Amino acid sequence: MRDMDAIPEVETKRFNFPHTVPLVQLETGGIRVRNSRVTLETIVHRMQMGDTAEEINDGFPTVSVSTIKEILAWYFDNKAEADEYLQQVEEEGERVRQWAESQPGYKEHREKLLRYKAEVMRRKAELSRT
Protein backbone atom coordinates (compact mmCIF):
# COMPACT_ATOMS: atom_id res chain seq x y z
CA MET A 1 0.00 0.00 0.00
CA ARG A 2 1.33 3.42 -0.89
CA ASP A 3 2.00 5.91 1.85
CA MET A 4 -0.28 8.95 2.24
CA ASP A 5 2.87 11.06 1.84
CA ALA A 6 2.63 10.23 -1.87
CA ILE A 7 -0.28 12.68 -2.10
CA PRO A 8 1.08 16.15 -2.83
CA GLU A 9 0.25 18.47 0.05
CA VAL A 10 -1.53 21.72 -0.59
CA GLU A 11 -0.78 24.81 1.43
CA THR A 12 -4.06 25.61 3.17
CA LYS A 13 -5.14 29.21 3.47
CA ARG A 14 -4.39 30.50 6.99
CA PHE A 15 -6.68 32.72 9.05
CA ASN A 16 -6.17 34.77 12.20
CA PHE A 17 -9.61 34.70 13.79
CA PRO A 18 -10.41 37.48 16.26
CA HIS A 19 -11.34 36.18 19.71
CA THR A 20 -14.97 37.13 18.97
CA VAL A 21 -15.19 34.55 16.16
CA PRO A 22 -15.81 31.04 17.56
CA LEU A 23 -13.50 29.32 15.05
CA VAL A 24 -10.01 27.85 15.40
CA GLN A 25 -7.59 26.71 12.74
CA LEU A 26 -5.63 23.58 13.52
CA GLU A 27 -1.98 23.02 12.61
CA THR A 28 -3.21 20.76 9.82
CA GLY A 29 -5.10 23.72 8.33
CA GLY A 30 -8.60 22.51 9.17
CA ILE A 31 -11.03 25.00 10.66
CA ARG A 32 -13.35 23.89 13.44
CA VAL A 33 -15.89 25.48 15.72
CA ARG A 34 -14.10 26.28 18.98
CA ASN A 35 -14.44 23.44 21.55
CA SER A 36 -16.04 21.22 18.91
CA ARG A 37 -15.22 18.78 16.14
CA VAL A 38 -17.71 20.48 13.77
CA THR A 39 -15.96 22.04 10.79
CA LEU A 40 -16.49 25.37 9.10
CA GLU A 41 -17.26 23.52 5.87
CA THR A 42 -20.05 21.58 7.61
CA ILE A 43 -21.74 24.76 8.86
CA VAL A 44 -21.38 26.55 5.52
CA HIS A 45 -22.47 23.53 3.47
CA ARG A 46 -25.63 23.10 5.55
CA MET A 47 -26.42 26.80 5.14
CA GLN A 48 -25.84 26.53 1.37
CA MET A 49 -28.26 23.58 1.28
CA GLY A 50 -30.91 25.88 2.74
CA ASP A 51 -30.74 25.03 6.44
CA THR A 52 -31.39 27.77 8.97
CA ALA A 53 -29.14 28.22 12.01
CA GLU A 54 -31.78 26.38 14.04
CA GLU A 55 -31.81 23.45 11.60
CA ILE A 56 -28.01 23.27 11.64
CA ASN A 57 -28.19 23.22 15.44
CA ASP A 58 -30.67 20.31 15.27
CA GLY A 59 -28.01 18.31 13.44
CA PHE A 60 -25.14 19.54 15.60
CA PRO A 61 -26.57 20.35 19.03
CA THR A 62 -23.12 20.89 20.56
CA VAL A 63 -22.92 24.12 18.54
CA SER A 64 -25.38 26.73 19.76
CA VAL A 65 -27.63 28.69 17.42
CA SER A 66 -25.88 31.92 18.43
CA THR A 67 -22.47 30.38 17.64
CA ILE A 68 -23.74 29.22 14.23
CA LYS A 69 -25.04 32.73 13.51
CA GLU A 70 -21.67 34.24 14.52
CA ILE A 71 -19.84 31.82 12.21
CA LEU A 72 -22.17 32.57 9.31
CA ALA A 73 -21.77 36.32 9.90
CA TRP A 74 -17.98 35.86 9.77
CA TYR A 75 -18.36 33.75 6.61
CA PHE A 76 -20.39 36.42 4.80
CA ASP A 77 -17.99 39.17 5.95
CA ASN A 78 -15.02 37.13 4.63
CA LYS A 79 -16.72 35.24 1.81
CA ALA A 80 -13.98 35.47 -0.83
CA GLU A 81 -11.23 34.22 1.50
CA ALA A 82 -13.49 31.64 3.14
CA ASP A 83 -14.62 30.30 -0.24
CA GLU A 84 -10.97 30.01 -1.31
CA TYR A 85 -10.30 27.91 1.81
CA LEU A 86 -13.43 25.79 1.22
CA GLN A 87 -12.34 25.16 -2.38
CA GLN A 88 -8.91 24.01 -1.13
CA VAL A 89 -10.59 21.63 1.32
CA GLU A 90 -12.77 20.21 -1.46
CA GLU A 91 -9.77 19.75 -3.76
CA GLU A 92 -7.78 18.02 -1.01
CA GLY A 93 -10.70 15.68 -0.34
CA GLU A 94 -10.83 14.80 -4.03
CA ARG A 95 -7.08 14.11 -4.09
CA VAL A 96 -7.39 11.80 -1.08
CA ARG A 97 -10.37 10.00 -2.65
CA GLN A 98 -8.46 9.45 -5.88
CA TRP A 99 -5.43 8.21 -3.94
CA ALA A 100 -7.57 5.77 -1.92
CA GLU A 101 -9.30 4.45 -5.03
CA SER A 102 -5.93 3.85 -6.69
CA GLN A 103 -4.77 1.52 -3.90
CA PRO A 104 -4.51 -2.22 -4.57
CA GLY A 105 -7.59 -4.03 -3.29
CA TYR A 106 -9.69 -0.88 -2.91
CA LYS A 107 -12.47 -1.99 -5.25
CA GLU A 108 -12.75 -5.43 -3.65
CA HIS A 109 -12.72 -4.00 -0.12
CA ARG A 110 -15.39 -1.41 -1.03
CA GLU A 111 -17.62 -4.07 -2.57
CA LYS A 112 -17.23 -6.23 0.55
CA LEU A 113 -18.24 -3.30 2.77
CA LEU A 114 -21.26 -2.54 0.58
CA ARG A 115 -22.38 -6.18 0.77
CA TYR A 116 -21.97 -6.09 4.56
CA LYS A 117 -23.98 -2.85 4.75
CA ALA A 118 -26.76 -4.36 2.62
CA GLU A 119 -26.87 -7.42 4.89
CA VAL A 120 -27.09 -5.25 8.01
CA MET A 121 -29.91 -3.21 6.46
CA ARG A 122 -31.75 -6.40 5.45
CA ARG A 123 -31.48 -7.78 8.99
CA LYS A 124 -32.68 -4.50 10.49
CA ALA A 125 -35.68 -4.54 8.18
CA GLU A 126 -36.47 -8.13 9.21
CA LEU A 127 -36.24 -7.22 12.90
CA SER A 128 -38.51 -4.21 12.49
CA ARG A 129 -41.20 -6.42 10.91
CA THR A 130 -41.29 -8.70 13.95
C-alpha atoms as a PDB file:
ATOM      1  CA  MET A   1       0.000   0.000   0.000  1.00  0.00           C
ATOM      2  CA  ARG A   2       1.327   3.418  -0.888  1.00  0.00           C
ATOM      3  CA  ASP A   3       2.005   5.910   1.846  1.00  0.00           C
ATOM      4  CA  MET A   4      -0.280   8.946   2.241  1.00  0.00           C
ATOM      5  CA  ASP A   5       2.872  11.059   1.838  1.00  0.00           C
ATOM      6  CA  ALA A   6       2.634  10.230  -1.873  1.00  0.00           C
ATOM      7  CA  ILE A   7      -0.278  12.680  -2.095  1.00  0.00           C
ATOM      8  CA  PRO A   8       1.077  16.150  -2.827  1.00  0.00           C
ATOM      9  CA  GLU A   9       0.247  18.468   0.046  1.00  0.00           C
ATOM     10  CA  VAL A  10      -1.532  21.716  -0.592  1.00  0.00           C
ATOM     11  CA  GLU A  11      -0.784  24.809   1.432  1.00  0.00           C
ATOM     12  CA  THR A  12      -4.062  25.611   3.167  1.00  0.00           C
ATOM     13  CA  LYS A  13      -5.137  29.215   3.469  1.00  0.00           C
ATOM     14  CA  ARG A  14      -4.394  30.497   6.990  1.00  0.00           C
ATOM     15  CA  PHE A  15      -6.675  32.724   9.055  1.00  0.00           C
ATOM     16  CA  ASN A  16      -6.174  34.770  12.201  1.00  0.00           C
ATOM     17  CA  PHE A  17      -9.610  34.702  13.785  1.00  0.00           C
ATOM     18  CA  PRO A  18     -10.411  37.479  16.256  1.00  0.00           C
ATOM     19  CA  HIS A  19     -11.341  36.180  19.714  1.00  0.00           C
ATOM     20  CA  THR A  20     -14.971  37.135  18.970  1.00  0.00           C
ATOM     21  CA  VAL A  21     -15.195  34.546  16.162  1.00  0.00           C
ATOM     22  CA  PRO A  22     -15.807  31.040  17.555  1.00  0.00           C
ATOM     23  CA  LEU A  23     -13.496  29.320  15.048  1.00  0.00           C
ATOM     24  CA  VAL A  24     -10.015  27.851  15.405  1.00  0.00           C
ATOM     25  CA  GLN A  25      -7.587  26.714  12.740  1.00  0.00           C
ATOM     26  CA  LEU A  26      -5.633  23.578  13.520  1.00  0.00           C
ATOM     27  CA  GLU A  27      -1.983  23.024  12.612  1.00  0.00           C
ATOM     28  CA  THR A  28      -3.205  20.764   9.815  1.00  0.00           C
ATOM     29  CA  GLY A  29      -5.104  23.718   8.329  1.00  0.00           C
ATOM     30  CA  GLY A  30      -8.598  22.510   9.166  1.00  0.00           C
ATOM     31  CA  ILE A  31     -11.028  25.004  10.664  1.00  0.00           C
ATOM     32  CA  ARG A  32     -13.350  23.892  13.444  1.00  0.00           C
ATOM     33  CA  VAL A  33     -15.887  25.475  15.717  1.00  0.00           C
ATOM     34  CA  ARG A  34     -14.098  26.282  18.979  1.00  0.00           C
ATOM     35  CA  ASN A  35     -14.437  23.437  21.551  1.00  0.00           C
ATOM     36  CA  SER A  36     -16.042  21.219  18.906  1.00  0.00           C
ATOM     37  CA  ARG A  37     -15.225  18.784  16.137  1.00  0.00           C
ATOM     38  CA  VAL A  38     -17.705  20.482  13.774  1.00  0.00           C
ATOM     39  CA  THR A  39     -15.958  22.037  10.790  1.00  0.00           C
ATOM     40  CA  LEU A  40     -16.494  25.375   9.099  1.00  0.00           C
ATOM     41  CA  GLU A  41     -17.257  23.515   5.872  1.00  0.00           C
ATOM     42  CA  THR A  42     -20.048  21.579   7.607  1.00  0.00           C
ATOM     43  CA  ILE A  43     -21.736  24.756   8.864  1.00  0.00           C
ATOM     44  CA  VAL A  44     -21.379  26.551   5.521  1.00  0.00           C
ATOM     45  CA  HIS A  45     -22.474  23.531   3.470  1.00  0.00           C
ATOM     46  CA  ARG A  46     -25.628  23.098   5.547  1.00  0.00           C
ATOM     47  CA  MET A  47     -26.417  26.800   5.143  1.00  0.00           C
ATOM     48  CA  GLN A  48     -25.842  26.535   1.369  1.00  0.00           C
ATOM     49  CA  MET A  49     -28.262  23.582   1.285  1.00  0.00           C
ATOM     50  CA  GLY A  50     -30.909  25.884   2.736  1.00  0.00           C
ATOM     51  CA  ASP A  51     -30.744  25.029   6.439  1.00  0.00           C
ATOM     52  CA  THR A  52     -31.389  27.767   8.970  1.00  0.00           C
ATOM     53  CA  ALA A  53     -29.137  28.217  12.008  1.00  0.00           C
ATOM     54  CA  GLU A  54     -31.776  26.382  14.035  1.00  0.00           C
ATOM     55  CA  GLU A  55     -31.812  23.446  11.602  1.00  0.00           C
ATOM     56  CA  ILE A  56     -28.014  23.273  11.636  1.00  0.00           C
ATOM     57  CA  ASN A  57     -28.190  23.225  15.437  1.00  0.00           C
ATOM     58  CA  ASP A  58     -30.665  20.314  15.266  1.00  0.00           C
ATOM     59  CA  GLY A  59     -28.011  18.306  13.437  1.00  0.00           C
ATOM     60  CA  PHE A  60     -25.137  19.540  15.601  1.00  0.00           C
ATOM     61  CA  PRO A  61     -26.575  20.347  19.025  1.00  0.00           C
ATOM     62  CA  THR A  62     -23.120  20.894  20.562  1.00  0.00           C
ATOM     63  CA  VAL A  63     -22.922  24.121  18.535  1.00  0.00           C
ATOM     64  CA  SER A  64     -25.385  26.728  19.762  1.00  0.00           C
ATOM     65  CA  VAL A  65     -27.635  28.692  17.422  1.00  0.00           C
ATOM     66  CA  SER A  66     -25.885  31.923  18.427  1.00  0.00           C
ATOM     67  CA  THR A  67     -22.473  30.377  17.636  1.00  0.00           C
ATOM     68  CA  ILE A  68     -23.744  29.221  14.231  1.00  0.00           C
ATOM     69  CA  LYS A  69     -25.041  32.727  13.511  1.00  0.00           C
ATOM     70  CA  GLU A  70     -21.669  34.238  14.523  1.00  0.00           C
ATOM     71  CA  ILE A  71     -19.842  31.819  12.208  1.00  0.00           C
ATOM     72  CA  LEU A  72     -22.170  32.569   9.308  1.00  0.00           C
ATOM     73  CA  ALA A  73     -21.768  36.315   9.899  1.00  0.00           C
ATOM     74  CA  TRP A  74     -17.981  35.863   9.770  1.00  0.00           C
ATOM     75  CA  TYR A  75     -18.361  33.750   6.612  1.00  0.00           C
ATOM     76  CA  PHE A  76     -20.391  36.420   4.798  1.00  0.00           C
ATOM     77  CA  ASP A  77     -17.991  39.170   5.945  1.00  0.00           C
ATOM     78  CA  ASN A  78     -15.023  37.129   4.634  1.00  0.00           C
ATOM     79  CA  LYS A  79     -16.724  35.243   1.811  1.00  0.00           C
ATOM     80  CA  ALA A  80     -13.977  35.474  -0.825  1.00  0.00           C
ATOM     81  CA  GLU A  81     -11.232  34.223   1.504  1.00  0.00           C
ATOM     82  CA  ALA A  82     -13.494  31.639   3.140  1.00  0.00           C
ATOM     83  CA  ASP A  83     -14.623  30.301  -0.240  1.00  0.00           C
ATOM     84  CA  GLU A  84     -10.968  30.012  -1.308  1.00  0.00           C
ATOM     85  CA  TYR A  85     -10.302  27.911   1.807  1.00  0.00           C
ATOM     86  CA  LEU A  86     -13.429  25.788   1.217  1.00  0.00           C
ATOM     87  CA  GLN A  87     -12.342  25.157  -2.384  1.00  0.00           C
ATOM     88  CA  GLN A  88      -8.914  24.013  -1.131  1.00  0.00           C
ATOM     89  CA  VAL A  89     -10.590  21.626   1.319  1.00  0.00           C
ATOM     90  CA  GLU A  90     -12.767  20.207  -1.460  1.00  0.00           C
ATOM     91  CA  GLU A  91      -9.765  19.747  -3.764  1.00  0.00           C
ATOM     92  CA  GLU A  92      -7.777  18.024  -1.011  1.00  0.00           C
ATOM     93  CA  GLY A  93     -10.702  15.679  -0.340  1.00  0.00           C
ATOM     94  CA  GLU A  94     -10.835  14.804  -4.029  1.00  0.00           C
ATOM     95  CA  ARG A  95      -7.081  14.106  -4.090  1.00  0.00           C
ATOM     96  CA  VAL A  96      -7.390  11.798  -1.080  1.00  0.00           C
ATOM     97  CA  ARG A  97     -10.374   9.996  -2.653  1.00  0.00           C
ATOM     98  CA  GLN A  98      -8.455   9.454  -5.882  1.00  0.00           C
ATOM     99  CA  TRP A  99      -5.434   8.212  -3.942  1.00  0.00           C
ATOM    100  CA  ALA A 100      -7.566   5.765  -1.916  1.00  0.00           C
ATOM    101  CA  GLU A 101      -9.302   4.452  -5.028  1.00  0.00           C
ATOM    102  CA  SER A 102      -5.929   3.846  -6.686  1.00  0.00           C
ATOM    103  CA  GLN A 103      -4.765   1.523  -3.899  1.00  0.00           C
ATOM    104  CA  PRO A 104      -4.513  -2.220  -4.565  1.00  0.00           C
ATOM    105  CA  GLY A 105      -7.589  -4.028  -3.291  1.00  0.00           C
ATOM    106  CA  TYR A 106      -9.685  -0.880  -2.909  1.00  0.00           C
ATOM    107  CA  LYS A 107     -12.468  -1.994  -5.250  1.00  0.00           C
ATOM    108  CA  GLU A 108     -12.753  -5.435  -3.650  1.00  0.00           C
ATOM    109  CA  HIS A 109     -12.722  -4.001  -0.125  1.00  0.00           C
ATOM    110  CA  ARG A 110     -15.387  -1.408  -1.035  1.00  0.00           C
ATOM    111  CA  GLU A 111     -17.619  -4.075  -2.574  1.00  0.00           C
ATOM    112  CA  LYS A 112     -17.225  -6.230   0.550  1.00  0.00           C
ATOM    113  CA  LEU A 113     -18.236  -3.298   2.772  1.00  0.00           C
ATOM    114  CA  LEU A 114     -21.259  -2.542   0.581  1.00  0.00           C
ATOM    115  CA  ARG A 115     -22.377  -6.184   0.772  1.00  0.00           C
ATOM    116  CA  TYR A 116     -21.972  -6.090   4.556  1.00  0.00           C
ATOM    117  CA  LYS A 117     -23.984  -2.849   4.752  1.00  0.00           C
ATOM    118  CA  ALA A 118     -26.758  -4.357   2.616  1.00  0.00           C
ATOM    119  CA  GLU A 119     -26.872  -7.419   4.890  1.00  0.00           C
ATOM    120  CA  VAL A 120     -27.093  -5.249   8.011  1.00  0.00           C
ATOM    121  CA  MET A 121     -29.914  -3.212   6.465  1.00  0.00           C
ATOM    122  CA  ARG A 122     -31.747  -6.401   5.445  1.00  0.00           C
ATOM    123  CA  ARG A 123     -31.483  -7.782   8.993  1.00  0.00           C
ATOM    124  CA  LYS A 124     -32.676  -4.502  10.495  1.00  0.00           C
ATOM    125  CA  ALA A 125     -35.678  -4.536   8.182  1.00  0.00           C
ATOM    126  CA  GLU A 126     -36.471  -8.128   9.213  1.00  0.00           C
ATOM    127  CA  LEU A 127     -36.239  -7.220  12.900  1.00  0.00           C
ATOM    128  CA  SER A 128     -38.511  -4.205  12.490  1.00  0.00           C
ATOM    129  CA  ARG A 129     -41.204  -6.417  10.915  1.00  0.00           C
ATOM    130  CA  THR A 130     -41.288  -8.701  13.950  1.00  0.00           C
END
